[in-house]
Amino acid sequence: MEVQESVRHLLGNKRYSPGSEENGFVLTSRDGSSLVVDMLCYHPSGQNTAVSCFYFDFAARKEQSATNTLSSLVKQMVSGMETIPEEISRAFREQKRTVGGRKPQLVDLVKMLQAIASSQPTFICIDALDECAGVERFRLLDSLKEVMERSPGIRIFVTGRPHIRTEIESRLAGDVVSVSVNSTRGDIKRYLRVKLGYDETPDAMDESLKAEILEKIPESMSKMSV
């Protein structure tokens, strides 16, 4: 329920007009990102809305730089647009004319996101930001801050572990609402029941083992900090 309320808060800001105070939304848990994306994509709205998301993976942190992250977000948005803003088309044409066809740099991608967010309501969802390498995380947050300053209609949703909350609030200069969400034992049990229901080898597990899984795992998880 906490995640759903958080999403409703974000959606409640979906029709913000320029000059609204809150641009960022931080969920210090990693339970809600898929729900947010689903609700943003399917929530009824009379406006064209750009929605893009990025998931950080610790195993791929060398490849997931700030530049690659913004590049992925821009590509997702552009692919769903009927008309591409002239600033973006011009930037790509200019880069193709350079020797070797230079890829967009971080400063170019920031300008592209500003152009998109200035033309339509825009939502960016970033999951597991804490898995992004420190220096790249700083560069990403600073870049998002630049986008927010020039495009007040943009909304950014971030999930991550609690230790990065202060960092996010500091680098986004206070334009942030933070919510801490923790899974309950009941949440974990419901998740496990769903997963067990899709077991491809059900004969390999008897009822006593299922009962032990449903008892031991939620108990262990409840002792861990999210």
Protein backbone atom coordinates (compact mmCIF):
# COMPACT_ATOMS: atom_id res chain seq x y z
CA MET A 1 0.00 0.00 0.00
CA GLU A 2 2.89 2.41 0.71
CA VAL A 3 4.17 1.95 -2.83
CA GLN A 4 0.73 2.52 -4.31
CA GLU A 5 0.27 5.69 -2.28
CA SER A 6 3.67 6.90 -3.46
CA VAL A 7 2.70 6.28 -7.06
CA ARG A 8 -0.60 8.10 -6.59
CA HIS A 9 1.34 11.07 -5.25
CA LEU A 10 3.54 11.08 -8.33
CA LEU A 11 0.54 10.74 -10.63
CA GLY A 12 -1.20 13.48 -8.72
CA ASN A 13 1.59 15.77 -9.93
CA LYS A 14 1.18 14.58 -13.52
CA ARG A 15 -0.60 17.71 -14.58
CA TYR A 16 1.78 20.14 -12.91
CA SER A 17 2.15 23.43 -14.69
CA PRO A 18 5.54 25.13 -15.10
CA GLY A 19 6.68 26.56 -11.79
CA SER A 20 5.57 23.63 -9.61
CA GLU A 21 7.87 23.05 -6.68
CA GLU A 22 8.42 19.27 -6.70
CA ASN A 23 10.24 17.70 -9.65
CA GLY A 24 11.86 14.70 -8.01
CA PHE A 25 10.41 11.76 -6.16
CA VAL A 26 12.65 9.33 -4.27
CA LEU A 27 11.47 5.94 -3.03
CA THR A 28 14.07 4.48 -0.66
CA SER A 29 13.24 0.91 -1.50
CA ARG A 30 13.37 -1.07 -4.71
CA ASP A 31 9.81 -2.40 -4.64
CA GLY A 32 7.87 0.13 -6.67
CA SER A 33 9.56 0.94 -9.96
CA SER A 34 7.64 -1.51 -12.16
CA LEU A 35 4.36 -0.40 -10.60
CA VAL A 36 5.25 3.23 -11.29
CA VAL A 37 6.10 2.53 -14.93
CA ASP A 38 2.89 0.52 -15.44
CA MET A 39 0.71 3.22 -13.91
CA LEU A 40 2.42 6.02 -15.83
CA CYS A 41 2.03 4.16 -19.12
CA TYR A 42 -1.60 3.16 -18.63
CA HIS A 43 -2.99 5.87 -16.35
CA PRO A 44 -5.64 7.76 -18.33
CA SER A 45 -4.48 11.15 -19.47
CA GLY A 46 -5.61 13.58 -22.12
CA GLN A 47 -2.02 14.64 -22.82
CA ASN A 48 0.78 13.02 -24.77
CA THR A 49 3.22 11.85 -22.15
CA ALA A 50 6.82 10.71 -22.53
CA VAL A 51 7.82 7.90 -20.15
CA SER A 52 11.25 6.30 -20.02
CA CYS A 53 13.02 4.12 -17.50
CA PHE A 54 16.46 2.78 -16.68
CA TYR A 55 17.51 -0.06 -14.38
CA PHE A 56 20.97 -0.09 -12.83
CA ASP A 57 22.65 -3.46 -12.41
CA PHE A 58 25.74 -3.86 -10.23
CA ALA A 59 27.16 -6.46 -12.64
CA ALA A 60 27.02 -3.93 -15.50
CA ARG A 61 28.11 -0.80 -13.67
CA LYS A 62 31.15 -0.30 -15.93
CA GLU A 63 28.86 0.06 -18.95
CA GLN A 64 26.14 2.03 -17.18
CA SER A 65 27.70 5.48 -17.20
CA ALA A 66 25.79 8.75 -16.86
CA THR A 67 26.15 9.28 -20.63
CA ASN A 68 24.84 5.81 -21.50
CA THR A 69 21.96 6.22 -19.06
CA LEU A 70 20.77 9.52 -20.54
CA SER A 71 21.30 8.15 -24.06
CA SER A 72 18.96 5.23 -23.29
CA LEU A 73 16.34 7.57 -21.81
CA VAL A 74 16.45 9.86 -24.87
CA LYS A 75 16.16 6.94 -27.30
CA GLN A 76 13.11 5.58 -25.49
CA MET A 77 11.37 8.95 -25.59
CA VAL A 78 12.22 9.73 -29.21
CA SER A 79 11.04 6.30 -30.38
CA GLY A 80 7.56 7.04 -29.06
CA MET A 81 7.23 10.56 -30.47
CA GLU A 82 5.21 11.36 -33.59
CA THR A 83 7.30 14.48 -34.22
CA ILE A 84 10.91 14.76 -33.09
CA PRO A 85 11.86 18.24 -31.80
CA GLU A 86 14.06 20.15 -34.25
CA GLU A 87 16.79 20.60 -31.62
CA ILE A 88 17.24 16.82 -31.40
CA SER A 89 17.15 16.24 -35.16
CA ARG A 90 19.69 19.02 -35.69
CA ALA A 91 22.00 17.65 -33.00
CA PHE A 92 22.05 14.20 -34.58
CA ARG A 93 22.68 15.65 -38.04
CA GLU A 94 25.62 17.67 -36.74
CA GLN A 95 27.14 14.68 -34.97
CA LYS A 96 26.90 12.53 -38.09
CA ARG A 97 28.96 15.12 -39.96
CA THR A 98 31.85 14.85 -37.50
CA VAL A 99 34.74 12.49 -38.15
CA GLY A 100 33.70 8.97 -37.21
CA GLY A 101 30.14 10.03 -36.44
CA ARG A 102 30.66 11.12 -32.83
CA LYS A 103 28.04 9.88 -30.38
CA PRO A 104 26.10 12.46 -28.34
CA GLN A 105 28.01 13.62 -25.29
CA LEU A 106 26.52 14.22 -21.85
CA VAL A 107 25.99 17.94 -22.48
CA ASP A 108 24.20 17.13 -25.77
CA LEU A 109 21.90 14.61 -24.08
CA VAL A 110 20.98 17.08 -21.35
CA LYS A 111 19.87 19.57 -24.03
CA MET A 112 17.86 16.86 -25.79
CA LEU A 113 16.03 15.95 -22.60
CA GLN A 114 15.33 19.62 -21.96
CA ALA A 115 13.84 19.93 -25.45
CA ILE A 116 11.62 16.88 -24.97
CA ALA A 117 10.46 17.85 -21.49
CA SER A 118 9.65 21.37 -22.67
CA SER A 119 7.30 20.06 -25.37
CA GLN A 120 5.27 17.51 -23.38
CA PRO A 121 4.80 16.05 -19.88
CA THR A 122 7.82 13.85 -19.22
CA PHE A 123 8.47 11.15 -16.64
CA ILE A 124 11.80 9.46 -15.99
CA CYS A 125 11.98 6.37 -13.78
CA ILE A 126 15.39 5.26 -12.53
CA ASP A 127 15.57 2.01 -10.59
CA ALA A 128 18.33 0.91 -8.20
CA LEU A 129 20.33 4.14 -8.45
CA ASP A 130 22.49 2.93 -5.57
CA GLU A 131 23.97 0.32 -7.93
CA CYS A 132 25.41 3.09 -10.12
CA ALA A 133 29.12 3.78 -9.53
CA GLY A 134 29.69 6.81 -7.29
CA VAL A 135 31.29 9.24 -9.75
CA GLU A 136 28.84 8.33 -12.52
CA ARG A 137 25.95 8.69 -10.08
CA PHE A 138 27.09 12.21 -9.23
CA ARG A 139 27.34 13.11 -12.92
CA LEU A 140 23.89 11.67 -13.59
CA LEU A 141 22.23 13.55 -10.73
CA ASP A 142 23.94 16.81 -11.71
CA SER A 143 22.75 16.33 -15.30
CA LEU A 144 19.19 15.63 -14.18
CA LYS A 145 19.32 18.77 -12.07
CA GLU A 146 20.21 20.76 -15.21
CA VAL A 147 17.25 19.24 -17.03
CA MET A 148 14.90 20.05 -14.14
CA GLU A 149 16.04 23.67 -13.99
CA ARG A 150 15.22 24.28 -17.65
CA SER A 151 12.17 21.99 -17.86
CA PRO A 152 9.96 22.39 -14.78
CA GLY A 153 7.33 20.06 -16.27
CA ILE A 154 9.55 17.00 -15.93
CA ARG A 155 9.03 14.46 -13.13
CA ILE A 156 11.80 12.09 -12.05
CA PHE A 157 11.14 8.95 -10.00
CA VAL A 158 14.12 7.23 -8.38
CA THR A 159 14.41 4.09 -6.27
CA GLY A 160 17.44 3.15 -4.23
CA ARG A 161 18.66 2.13 -0.80
CA PRO A 162 18.31 4.65 2.04
CA HIS A 163 21.99 5.62 2.14
CA ILE A 164 21.74 7.62 -1.11
CA ARG A 165 18.76 9.73 -0.02
CA THR A 166 20.84 12.59 1.36
CA GLU A 167 23.00 12.57 -1.75
CA ILE A 168 19.97 12.81 -4.04
CA GLU A 169 18.33 15.56 -2.02
CA SER A 170 21.57 17.53 -1.93
CA ARG A 171 22.38 17.28 -5.64
CA LEU A 172 18.82 17.96 -6.74
CA ALA A 173 18.79 21.01 -4.47
CA GLY A 174 15.66 20.30 -2.47
CA ASP A 175 13.22 19.70 -5.34
CA VAL A 176 12.59 16.22 -3.98
CA VAL A 177 9.94 14.29 -2.05
CA SER A 178 11.34 11.21 -0.28
CA VAL A 179 9.36 8.22 0.94
CA SER A 180 10.77 5.20 2.78
CA VAL A 181 9.07 1.90 1.92
CA ASN A 182 9.78 -1.40 3.65
CA SER A 183 8.45 -4.83 2.75
CA THR A 184 6.41 -6.62 5.43
CA ARG A 185 6.46 -10.35 6.07
CA GLY A 186 3.03 -10.54 4.46
CA ASP A 187 4.37 -8.86 1.30
CA ILE A 188 7.25 -11.34 1.09
CA LYS A 189 4.94 -14.33 1.62
CA ARG A 190 2.58 -13.18 -1.13
CA TYR A 191 5.54 -12.75 -3.49
CA LEU A 192 6.87 -16.23 -2.66
CA ARG A 193 3.46 -17.84 -3.20
CA VAL A 194 3.25 -16.30 -6.66
CA LYS A 195 6.74 -17.51 -7.55
CA LEU A 196 6.09 -21.01 -6.21
CA GLY A 197 2.91 -21.10 -8.26
CA TYR A 198 5.01 -20.77 -11.42
CA ASP A 199 7.49 -23.49 -10.48
CA GLU A 200 8.26 -25.51 -13.63
CA THR A 201 9.16 -28.61 -11.59
CA PRO A 202 6.42 -28.77 -8.92
CA ASP A 203 7.01 -32.48 -8.22
CA ALA A 204 10.49 -31.68 -6.92
CA MET A 205 9.00 -29.87 -3.90
CA ASP A 206 6.61 -31.33 -1.35
CA GLU A 207 4.22 -29.36 0.85
CA SER A 208 6.51 -29.43 3.87
CA LEU A 209 9.33 -27.78 1.88
CA LYS A 210 6.94 -25.12 0.57
CA ALA A 211 5.78 -24.43 4.12
CA GLU A 212 9.39 -24.12 5.30
CA ILE A 213 10.19 -21.66 2.48
CA LEU A 214 7.16 -19.55 3.34
CA GLU A 215 8.24 -19.49 6.98
CA LYS A 216 12.02 -19.17 6.92
CA ILE A 217 12.60 -16.68 4.08
CA PRO A 218 10.16 -13.97 5.30
CA GLU A 219 11.62 -14.33 8.79
CA SER A 220 15.17 -13.82 7.50
CA MET A 221 14.19 -10.94 5.22
CA SER A 222 12.39 -9.08 8.01
CA LYS A 223 15.70 -8.93 9.90
CA MET A 224 17.48 -7.24 6.99
CA SER A 225 17.50 -3.50 6.40
CA VAL A 226 16.10 -2.40 3.04
